PDB file of N, CA and C in Angstrom:
ATOM      1  N   UNK A   1      84.328-185.277  67.139  1.00  0.00           N
ATOM      2  CA  UNK A   1      84.420-184.639  65.841  1.00  0.00           C
ATOM      3  C   UNK A   1      84.722-183.155  66.011  1.00  0.00           C
ATOM      4  N   UNK A   2      85.411-182.644  65.061  1.00  0.00           N
ATOM      5  CA  UNK A   2      85.814-181.250  65.094  1.00  0.00           C
ATOM      6  C   UNK A   2      84.644-180.360  64.677  1.00  0.00           C
ATOM      7  N   UNK A   3      84.328-179.388  65.520  1.00  0.00           N
ATOM      8  CA  UNK A   3      83.175-178.518  65.251  1.00  0.00           C
ATOM      9  C   UNK A   3      83.390-177.643  64.023  1.00  0.00           C
ATOM     10  N   UNK A   4      84.630-177.262  63.765  1.00  0.00           N
ATOM     11  CA  UNK A   4      84.919-176.446  62.579  1.00  0.00           C
ATOM     12  C   UNK A   4      84.622-177.240  61.308  1.00  0.00           C
ATOM     13  N   UNK A   5      84.980-178.520  61.307  1.00  0.00           N
ATOM     14  CA  UNK A   5      84.725-179.365  60.140  1.00  0.00           C
ATOM     15  C   UNK A   5      83.221-179.567  59.924  1.00  0.00           C
ATOM     16  N   UNK A   6      82.487-179.707  61.023  1.00  0.00           N
ATOM     17  CA  UNK A   6      81.030-179.832  60.915  1.00  0.00           C
ATOM     18  C   UNK A   6      80.432-178.540  60.369  1.00  0.00           C
ATOM     19  N   UNK A   7      80.935-177.411  60.835  1.00  0.00           N
ATOM     20  CA  UNK A   7      80.454-176.119  60.337  1.00  0.00           C
ATOM     21  C   UNK A   7      80.750-175.966  58.852  1.00  0.00           C
ATOM     22  N   UNK A   8      81.939-176.383  58.419  1.00  0.00           N
ATOM     23  CA  UNK A   8      82.263-176.343  56.991  1.00  0.00           C
ATOM     24  C   UNK A   8      81.309-177.218  56.194  1.00  0.00           C
ATOM     25  N   UNK A   9      81.010-178.398  56.695  1.00  0.00           N
ATOM     26  CA  UNK A   9      80.060-179.285  56.032  1.00  0.00           C
ATOM     27  C   UNK A   9      78.669-178.674  55.974  1.00  0.00           C
ATOM     28  N   UNK A  10      78.268-177.993  57.066  1.00  0.00           N
ATOM     29  CA  UNK A  10      76.962-177.328  57.103  1.00  0.00           C
ATOM     30  C   UNK A  10      76.887-176.237  56.034  1.00  0.00           C
ATOM     31  N   UNK A  11      77.935-175.436  55.945  1.00  0.00           N
ATOM     32  CA  UNK A  11      77.963-174.359  54.950  1.00  0.00           C
ATOM     33  C   UNK A  11      77.951-174.935  53.538  1.00  0.00           C
ATOM     34  N   UNK A  12      78.708-175.997  53.324  1.00  0.00           N
ATOM     35  CA  UNK A  12      78.705-176.650  52.010  1.00  0.00           C
ATOM     36  C   UNK A  12      77.315-177.192  51.697  1.00  0.00           C
ATOM     37  N   UNK A  13      76.637-177.753  52.697  1.00  0.00           N
ATOM     38  CA  UNK A  13      75.281-178.265  52.496  1.00  0.00           C
ATOM     39  C   UNK A  13      74.301-177.170  52.130  1.00  0.00           C
ATOM     40  N   UNK A  14      74.383-176.033  52.796  1.00  0.00           N
ATOM     41  CA  UNK A  14      73.486-174.907  52.491  1.00  0.00           C
ATOM     42  C   UNK A  14      73.771-174.359  51.094  1.00  0.00           C
ATOM     43  N   UNK A  15      75.063-174.198  50.761  1.00  0.00           N
ATOM     44  CA  UNK A  15      75.421-173.689  49.438  1.00  0.00           C
ATOM     45  C   UNK A  15      75.022-174.668  48.332  1.00  0.00           C
ATOM     46  N   UNK A  16      75.184-175.954  48.594  1.00  0.00           N
ATOM     47  CA  UNK A  16      74.801-176.961  47.613  1.00  0.00           C
ATOM     48  C   UNK A  16      73.292-176.955  47.396  1.00  0.00           C
ATOM     49  N   UNK A  17      72.541-176.798  48.473  1.00  0.00           N
ATOM     50  CA  UNK A  17      71.086-176.725  48.326  1.00  0.00           C
ATOM     51  C   UNK A  17      70.687-175.472  47.555  1.00  0.00           C
ATOM     52  N   UNK A  18      71.358-174.369  47.806  1.00  0.00           N
ATOM     53  CA  UNK A  18      71.063-173.137  47.064  1.00  0.00           C
ATOM     54  C   UNK A  18      71.368-173.316  45.584  1.00  0.00           C
ATOM     55  N   UNK A  19      72.484-173.966  45.286  1.00  0.00           N
ATOM     56  CA  UNK A  19      72.827-174.247  43.894  1.00  0.00           C
ATOM     57  C   UNK A  19      71.783-175.167  43.262  1.00  0.00           C
ATOM     58  N   UNK A  20      71.354-176.176  43.995  1.00  0.00           N
ATOM     59  CA  UNK A  20      70.325-177.087  43.489  1.00  0.00           C
ATOM     60  C   UNK A  20      69.011-176.376  43.236  1.00  0.00           C
ATOM     61  N   UNK A  21      68.621-175.490  44.151  1.00  0.00           N
ATOM     62  CA  UNK A  21      67.392-174.718  43.969  1.00  0.00           C
ATOM     63  C   UNK A  21      67.505-173.825  42.741  1.00  0.00           C
ATOM     64  N   UNK A  22      68.673-173.218  42.544  1.00  0.00           N
ATOM     65  CA  UNK A  22      68.906-172.379  41.379  1.00  0.00           C
ATOM     66  C   UNK A  22      68.811-173.205  40.091  1.00  0.00           C
ATOM     67  N   UNK A  23      69.407-174.402  40.099  1.00  0.00           N
ATOM     68  CA  UNK A  23      69.352-175.269  38.911  1.00  0.00           C
ATOM     69  C   UNK A  23      67.923-175.730  38.612  1.00  0.00           C
ATOM     70  N   UNK A  24      67.166-176.040  39.660  1.00  0.00           N
ATOM     71  CA  UNK A  24      65.763-176.422  39.472  1.00  0.00           C
ATOM     72  C   UNK A  24      64.975-175.238  38.924  1.00  0.00           C
ATOM     73  N   UNK A  25      65.253-174.038  39.425  1.00  0.00           N
ATOM     74  CA  UNK A  25      64.585-172.837  38.918  1.00  0.00           C
ATOM     75  C   UNK A  25      64.894-172.584  37.456  1.00  0.00           C
ATOM     76  N   UNK A  26      66.164-172.765  37.072  1.00  0.00           N
ATOM     77  CA  UNK A  26      66.538-172.592  35.662  1.00  0.00           C
ATOM     78  C   UNK A  26      65.833-173.629  34.800  1.00  0.00           C
ATOM     79  N   UNK A  27      65.809-174.870  35.277  1.00  0.00           N
ATOM     80  CA  UNK A  27      65.155-175.939  34.521  1.00  0.00           C
ATOM     81  C   UNK A  27      63.670-175.661  34.346  1.00  0.00           C
ATOM     82  N   UNK A  28      63.027-175.196  35.406  1.00  0.00           N
ATOM     83  CA  UNK A  28      61.601-174.870  35.317  1.00  0.00           C
ATOM     84  C   UNK A  28      61.369-173.702  34.364  1.00  0.00           C
ATOM     85  N   UNK A  29      62.260-172.705  34.396  1.00  0.00           N
ATOM     86  CA  UNK A  29      62.112-171.551  33.513  1.00  0.00           C
ATOM     87  C   UNK A  29      62.290-171.959  32.057  1.00  0.00           C
ATOM     88  N   UNK A  30      63.267-172.818  31.792  1.00  0.00           N
ATOM     89  CA  UNK A  30      63.508-173.251  30.412  1.00  0.00           C
ATOM     90  C   UNK A  30      62.408-174.175  29.906  1.00  0.00           C
ATOM     91  N   UNK A  31      61.878-175.021  30.796  1.00  0.00           N
ATOM     92  CA  UNK A  31      60.855-175.967  30.359  1.00  0.00           C
ATOM     93  C   UNK A  31      59.494-175.300  30.148  1.00  0.00           C
ATOM     94  N   UNK A  32      59.305-174.114  30.691  1.00  0.00           N
ATOM     95  CA  UNK A  32      58.028-173.433  30.495  1.00  0.00           C
ATOM     96  C   UNK A  32      57.918-172.811  29.108  1.00  0.00           C
ATOM     97  N   UNK A  33      59.060-172.706  28.417  1.00  0.00           N
ATOM     98  CA  UNK A  33      59.026-172.172  27.064  1.00  0.00           C
ATOM     99  C   UNK A  33      59.033-170.656  27.007  1.00  0.00           C
ATOM    100  N   UNK A  34      59.016-170.026  28.142  1.00  0.00           N
ATOM    101  CA  UNK A  34      59.069-168.569  28.187  1.00  0.00           C
ATOM    102  C   UNK A  34      60.439-168.143  28.688  1.00  0.00           C
ATOM    103  N   UNK A  35      60.748-166.904  28.542  1.00  0.00           N
ATOM    104  CA  UNK A  35      62.052-166.403  28.978  1.00  0.00           C
ATOM    105  C   UNK A  35      61.951-165.838  30.395  1.00  0.00           C
ATOM    106  N   UNK A  36      61.400-166.626  31.288  1.00  0.00           N
ATOM    107  CA  UNK A  36      61.286-166.190  32.675  1.00  0.00           C
ATOM    108  C   UNK A  36      62.622-166.375  33.377  1.00  0.00           C
ATOM    109  N   UNK A  37      62.859-165.566  34.378  1.00  0.00           N
ATOM    110  CA  UNK A  37      64.051-165.727  35.181  1.00  0.00           C
ATOM    111  C   UNK A  37      63.784-166.656  36.344  1.00  0.00           C
ATOM    112  N   UNK A  38      64.846-166.966  37.046  1.00  0.00           N
ATOM    113  CA  UNK A  38      64.738-167.864  38.194  1.00  0.00           C
ATOM    114  C   UNK A  38      63.882-167.225  39.282  1.00  0.00           C
ATOM    115  N   UNK A  39      64.052-165.930  39.501  1.00  0.00           N
ATOM    116  CA  UNK A  39      63.269-165.254  40.540  1.00  0.00           C
ATOM    117  C   UNK A  39      61.778-165.285  40.221  1.00  0.00           C
ATOM    118  N   UNK A  40      61.434-165.170  38.958  1.00  0.00           N
ATOM    119  CA  UNK A  40      60.023-165.237  38.563  1.00  0.00           C
ATOM    120  C   UNK A  40      59.453-166.620  38.856  1.00  0.00           C
ATOM    121  N   UNK A  41      60.241-167.641  38.574  1.00  0.00           N
ATOM    122  CA  UNK A  41      59.803-169.012  38.853  1.00  0.00           C
ATOM    123  C   UNK A  41      59.621-169.215  40.351  1.00  0.00           C
ATOM    124  N   UNK A  42      60.564-168.708  41.156  1.00  0.00           N
ATOM    125  CA  UNK A  42      60.456-168.863  42.611  1.00  0.00           C
ATOM    126  C   UNK A  42      59.273-168.090  43.175  1.00  0.00           C
ATOM    127  N   UNK A  43      59.012-166.909  42.623  1.00  0.00           N
ATOM    128  CA  UNK A  43      57.841-166.145  43.064  1.00  0.00           C
ATOM    129  C   UNK A  43      56.544-166.879  42.707  1.00  0.00           C
ATOM    130  N   UNK A  44      56.495-167.440  41.517  1.00  0.00           N
ATOM    131  CA  UNK A  44      55.311-168.203  41.110  1.00  0.00           C
ATOM    132  C   UNK A  44      55.162-169.446  41.985  1.00  0.00           C
ATOM    133  N   UNK A  45      56.277-170.097  42.304  1.00  0.00           N
ATOM    134  CA  UNK A  45      56.233-171.282  43.170  1.00  0.00           C
ATOM    135  C   UNK A  45      55.724-170.915  44.553  1.00  0.00           C
ATOM    136  N   UNK A  46      56.135-169.765  45.051  1.00  0.00           N
ATOM    137  CA  UNK A  46      55.671-169.319  46.369  1.00  0.00           C
ATOM    138  C   UNK A  46      54.179-168.997  46.344  1.00  0.00           C
ATOM    139  N   UNK A  47      53.735-168.322  45.287  1.00  0.00           N
ATOM    140  CA  UNK A  47      52.316-167.948  45.220  1.00  0.00           C
ATOM    141  C   UNK A  47      51.418-169.163  44.980  1.00  0.00           C
ATOM    142  N   UNK A  48      51.949-170.200  44.327  1.00  0.00           N
ATOM    143  CA  UNK A  48      51.151-171.395  44.060  1.00  0.00           C
ATOM    144  C   UNK A  48      51.424-172.518  45.055  1.00  0.00           C
ATOM    145  N   UNK A  49      52.135-172.209  46.108  1.00  0.00           N
ATOM    146  CA  UNK A  49      52.398-173.119  47.231  1.00  0.00           C
ATOM    147  C   UNK A  49      53.130-174.408  46.838  1.00  0.00           C
ATOM    148  N   UNK A  50      54.128-174.303  45.949  1.00  0.00           N
ATOM    149  CA  UNK A  50      54.967-175.468  45.719  1.00  0.00           C
ATOM    150  C   UNK A  50      56.453-175.122  45.833  1.00  0.00           C
ATOM    151  N   UNK A  51      56.728-174.078  46.589  1.00  0.00           N
ATOM    152  CA  UNK A  51      58.116-173.696  46.842  1.00  0.00           C
ATOM    153  C   UNK A  51      58.840-174.760  47.656  1.00  0.00           C
ATOM    154  N   UNK A  52      58.142-175.377  48.588  1.00  0.00           N
ATOM    155  CA  UNK A  52      58.747-176.435  49.389  1.00  0.00           C
ATOM    156  C   UNK A  52      59.207-177.607  48.548  1.00  0.00           C
ATOM    157  N   UNK A  53      58.464-177.910  47.501  1.00  0.00           N
ATOM    158  CA  UNK A  53      58.850-179.007  46.608  1.00  0.00           C
ATOM    159  C   UNK A  53      60.111-178.654  45.838  1.00  0.00           C
ATOM    160  N   UNK A  54      60.234-177.401  45.415  1.00  0.00           N
ATOM    161  CA  UNK A  54      61.437-176.983  44.709  1.00  0.00           C
ATOM    162  C   UNK A  54      62.657-177.010  45.630  1.00  0.00           C
ATOM    163  N   UNK A  55      62.461-176.593  46.872  1.00  0.00           N
ATOM    164  CA  UNK A  55      63.563-176.633  47.841  1.00  0.00           C
ATOM    165  C   UNK A  55      63.989-178.077  48.089  1.00  0.00           C
ATOM    166  N   UNK A  56      63.018-178.963  48.173  1.00  0.00           N
ATOM    167  CA  UNK A  56      63.332-180.381  48.375  1.00  0.00           C
ATOM    168  C   UNK A  56      64.091-180.960  47.185  1.00  0.00           C
ATOM    169  N   UNK A  57      63.718-180.569  45.987  1.00  0.00           N
ATOM    170  CA  UNK A  57      64.459-181.020  44.811  1.00  0.00           C
ATOM    171  C   UNK A  57      65.880-180.463  44.806  1.00  0.00           C
ATOM    172  N   UNK A  58      66.027-179.239  45.268  1.00  0.00           N
ATOM    173  CA  UNK A  58      67.361-178.650  45.374  1.00  0.00           C
ATOM    174  C   UNK A  58      68.230-179.364  46.379  1.00  0.00           C
ATOM    175  N   UNK A  59      67.613-179.952  47.386  1.00  0.00           N
ATOM    176  CA  UNK A  59      68.368-180.656  48.429  1.00  0.00           C
ATOM    177  C   UNK A  59      68.914-181.993  47.947  1.00  0.00           C
ATOM    178  N   UNK A  60      68.504-182.440  46.781  1.00  0.00           N
ATOM    179  CA  UNK A  60      69.036-183.703  46.259  1.00  0.00           C
ATOM    180  C   UNK A  60      70.538-183.640  46.012  1.00  0.00           C
ATOM    181  N   UNK A  61      71.058-182.464  45.720  1.00  0.00           N
ATOM    182  CA  UNK A  61      72.505-182.340  45.530  1.00  0.00           C
ATOM    183  C   UNK A  61      73.274-182.607  46.822  1.00  0.00           C
ATOM    184  N   UNK A  62      72.624-182.395  47.961  1.00  0.00           N
ATOM    185  CA  UNK A  62      73.273-182.698  49.242  1.00  0.00           C
ATOM    186  C   UNK A  62      73.589-184.176  49.361  1.00  0.00           C
ATOM    187  N   UNK A  63      72.791-184.995  48.715  1.00  0.00           N
ATOM    188  CA  UNK A  63      73.027-186.437  48.738  1.00  0.00           C
ATOM    189  C   UNK A  63      74.388-186.760  48.132  1.00  0.00           C
ATOM    190  N   UNK A  64      74.703-186.129  47.022  1.00  0.00           N
ATOM    191  CA  UNK A  64      75.991-186.363  46.384  1.00  0.00           C
ATOM    192  C   UNK A  64      77.148-185.870  47.255  1.00  0.00           C
ATOM    193  N   UNK A  65      76.970-184.692  47.868  1.00  0.00           N
ATOM    194  CA  UNK A  65      78.007-184.179  48.772  1.00  0.00           C
ATOM    195  C   UNK A  65      78.207-185.112  49.953  1.00  0.00           C
ATOM    196  N   UNK A  66      77.125-185.594  50.528  1.00  0.00           N
ATOM    197  CA  UNK A  66      77.197-186.484  51.683  1.00  0.00           C
ATOM    198  C   UNK A  66      77.994-187.741  51.349  1.00  0.00           C
ATOM    199  N   UNK A  67      77.654-188.395  50.253  1.00  0.00           N
ATOM    200  CA  UNK A  67      78.354-189.619  49.897  1.00  0.00           C
ATOM    201  C   UNK A  67      79.789-189.355  49.449  1.00  0.00           C
ATOM    202  N   UNK A  68      80.053-188.193  48.876  1.00  0.00           N
ATOM    203  CA  UNK A  68      81.425-187.830  48.537  1.00  0.00           C
ATOM    204  C   UNK A  68      82.278-187.740  49.799  1.00  0.00           C
ATOM    205  N   UNK A  69      81.757-187.056  50.819  1.00  0.00           N
ATOM    206  CA  UNK A  69      82.510-186.911  52.061  1.00  0.00           C
ATOM    207  C   UNK A  69      82.663-188.246  52.787  1.00  0.00           C
ATOM    208  N   UNK A  70      81.654-189.079  52.720  1.00  0.00           N
ATOM    209  CA  UNK A  70      81.760-190.412  53.328  1.00  0.00           C
ATOM    210  C   UNK A  70      82.853-191.215  52.625  1.00  0.00           C
ATOM    211  N   UNK A  71      82.861-191.138  51.305  1.00  0.00           N
ATOM    212  CA  UNK A  71      83.855-191.896  50.538  1.00  0.00           C
ATOM    213  C   UNK A  71      85.277-191.414  50.810  1.00  0.00           C
ATOM    214  N   UNK A  72      85.443-190.113  51.009  1.00  0.00           N
ATOM    215  CA  UNK A  72      86.753-189.536  51.300  1.00  0.00           C
ATOM    216  C   UNK A  72      87.117-189.627  52.783  1.00  0.00           C
ATOM    217  N   UNK A  73      86.258-190.284  53.561  1.00  0.00           N
ATOM    218  CA  UNK A  73      86.456-190.483  55.005  1.00  0.00           C
ATOM    219  C   UNK A  73      86.534-189.157  55.772  1.00  0.00           C
ATOM    220  N   UNK A  74      85.709-188.220  55.354  1.00  0.00           N
ATOM    221  CA  UNK A  74      85.581-186.943  56.058  1.00  0.00           C
ATOM    222  C   UNK A  74      84.223-186.942  56.736  1.00  0.00           C
ATOM    223  N   UNK A  75      84.149-187.700  57.817  1.00  0.00           N
ATOM    224  CA  UNK A  75      82.871-187.910  58.494  1.00  0.00           C
ATOM    225  C   UNK A  75      82.305-186.638  59.102  1.00  0.00           C
ATOM    226  N   UNK A  76      83.162-185.746  59.571  1.00  0.00           N
ATOM    227  CA  UNK A  76      82.670-184.505  60.169  1.00  0.00           C
ATOM    228  C   UNK A  76      82.014-183.621  59.104  1.00  0.00           C
ATOM    229  N   UNK A  77      82.610-183.563  57.932  1.00  0.00           N
ATOM    230  CA  UNK A  77      81.993-182.806  56.845  1.00  0.00           C
ATOM    231  C   UNK A  77      80.641-183.421  56.472  1.00  0.00           C
ATOM    232  N   UNK A  78      80.608-184.746  56.394  1.00  0.00           N
ATOM    233  CA  UNK A  78      79.359-185.437  56.059  1.00  0.00           C
ATOM    234  C   UNK A  78      78.295-185.170  57.117  1.00  0.00           C
ATOM    235  N   UNK A  79      78.705-185.115  58.380  1.00  0.00           N
ATOM    236  CA  UNK A  79      77.756-184.812  59.450  1.00  0.00           C
ATOM    237  C   UNK A  79      77.203-183.395  59.295  1.00  0.00           C
ATOM    238  N   UNK A  80      78.042-182.454  58.884  1.00  0.00           N
ATOM    239  CA  UNK A  80      77.587-181.088  58.644  1.00  0.00           C
ATOM    240  C   UNK A  80      76.592-181.000  57.510  1.00  0.00           C
ATOM    241  N   UNK A  81      76.842-181.757  56.450  1.00  0.00           N
ATOM    242  CA  UNK A  81      75.896-181.788  55.326  1.00  0.00           C
ATOM    243  C   UNK A  81      74.571-182.393  55.784  1.00  0.00           C
ATOM    244  N   UNK A  82      74.641-183.423  56.617  1.00  0.00           N
ATOM    245  CA  UNK A  82      73.419-184.040  57.141  1.00  0.00           C
ATOM    246  C   UNK A  82      72.635-183.057  58.007  1.00  0.00           C
ATOM    247  N   UNK A  83      73.336-182.298  58.850  1.00  0.00           N
ATOM    248  CA  UNK A  83      72.673-181.289  59.687  1.00  0.00           C
ATOM    249  C   UNK A  83      72.030-180.219  58.804  1.00  0.00           C
ATOM    250  N   UNK A  84      72.723-179.811  57.734  1.00  0.00           N
ATOM    251  CA  UNK A  84      72.163-178.819  56.814  1.00  0.00           C
ATOM    252  C   UNK A  84      70.902-179.353  56.142  1.00  0.00           C
ATOM    253  N   UNK A  85      70.918-180.623  55.775  1.00  0.00           N
ATOM    254  CA  UNK A  85      69.752-181.221  55.135  1.00  0.00           C
ATOM    255  C   UNK A  85      68.571-181.280  56.100  1.00  0.00           C
ATOM    256  N   UNK A  86      68.828-181.616  57.344  1.00  0.00           N
ATOM    257  CA  UNK A  86      67.761-181.632  58.352  1.00  0.00           C
ATOM    258  C   UNK A  86      67.235-180.212  58.581  1.00  0.00           C
ATOM    259  N   UNK A  87      68.138-179.243  58.636  1.00  0.00           N
ATOM    260  CA  UNK A  87      67.749-177.838  58.799  1.00  0.00           C
ATOM    261  C   UNK A  87      66.855-177.397  57.645  1.00  0.00           C
ATOM    262  N   UNK A  88      67.213-177.772  56.432  1.00  0.00           N
ATOM    263  CA  UNK A  88      66.424-177.416  55.254  1.00  0.00           C
ATOM    264  C   UNK A  88      65.061-178.105  55.293  1.00  0.00           C
ATOM    265  N   UNK A  89      65.035-179.343  55.770  1.00  0.00           N
ATOM    266  CA  UNK A  89      63.757-180.053  55.895  1.00  0.00           C
ATOM    267  C   UNK A  89      62.836-179.343  56.884  1.00  0.00           C
ATOM    268  N   UNK A  90      63.386-178.871  57.982  1.00  0.00           N
ATOM    269  CA  UNK A  90      62.579-178.142  58.966  1.00  0.00           C
ATOM    270  C   UNK A  90      62.068-176.826  58.375  1.00  0.00           C
ATOM    271  N   UNK A  91      62.938-176.113  57.659  1.00  0.00           N
ATOM    272  CA  UNK A  91      62.517-174.858  57.020  1.00  0.00           C
ATOM    273  C   UNK A  91      61.410-175.139  55.994  1.00  0.00           C
ATOM    274  N   UNK A  92      61.553-176.208  55.226  1.00  0.00           N
ATOM    275  CA  UNK A  92      60.537-176.567  54.237  1.00  0.00           C
ATOM    276  C   UNK A  92      59.213-176.895  54.924  1.00  0.00           C
ATOM    277  N   UNK A  93      59.292-177.590  56.050  1.00  0.00           N
ATOM    278  CA  UNK A  93      58.075-177.911  56.802  1.00  0.00           C
ATOM    279  C   UNK A  93      57.401-176.629  57.314  1.00  0.00           C
ATOM    280  N   UNK A  94      58.189-175.685  57.791  1.00  0.00           N
ATOM    281  CA  UNK A  94      57.623-174.425  58.289  1.00  0.00           C
ATOM    282  C   UNK A  94      56.978-173.649  57.140  1.00  0.00           C
ATOM    283  N   UNK A  95      57.603-173.654  55.962  1.00  0.00           N
ATOM    284  CA  UNK A  95      57.047-172.954  54.803  1.00  0.00           C
ATOM    285  C   UNK A  95      55.689-173.548  54.417  1.00  0.00           C
ATOM    286  N   UNK A  96      55.558-174.871  54.536  1.00  0.00           N
ATOM    287  CA  UNK A  96      54.310-175.530  54.155  1.00  0.00           C
ATOM    288  C   UNK A  96      53.170-175.234  55.127  1.00  0.00           C
ATOM    289  N   UNK A  97      53.474-174.818  56.348  1.00  0.00           N
ATOM    290  CA  UNK A  97      52.407-174.519  57.313  1.00  0.00           C
ATOM    291  C   UNK A  97      51.675-173.310  56.919  1.00  0.00           C
TER     292      UNK A  97
END
């Protein structure tokens, strides 16, 4: 497999997870009924020790990217997204410690 394609998939996986985390933050801010920003929600999540859960919810978008790349027969990109998801899982585990 081409390492550049795997790197592109990794970057797409990280960006997709960031987008997912942002969307989860917006959803949490809107559902609280207050006009909090995403950063306020993330700070509250960190102080109340559920930031790892929000990151995990954000990683759900990687699932769609992974299956998209598999369907388009771009296995190297899919492998990069998988590596990004594993990397995010390790970071989430470290945050929970």
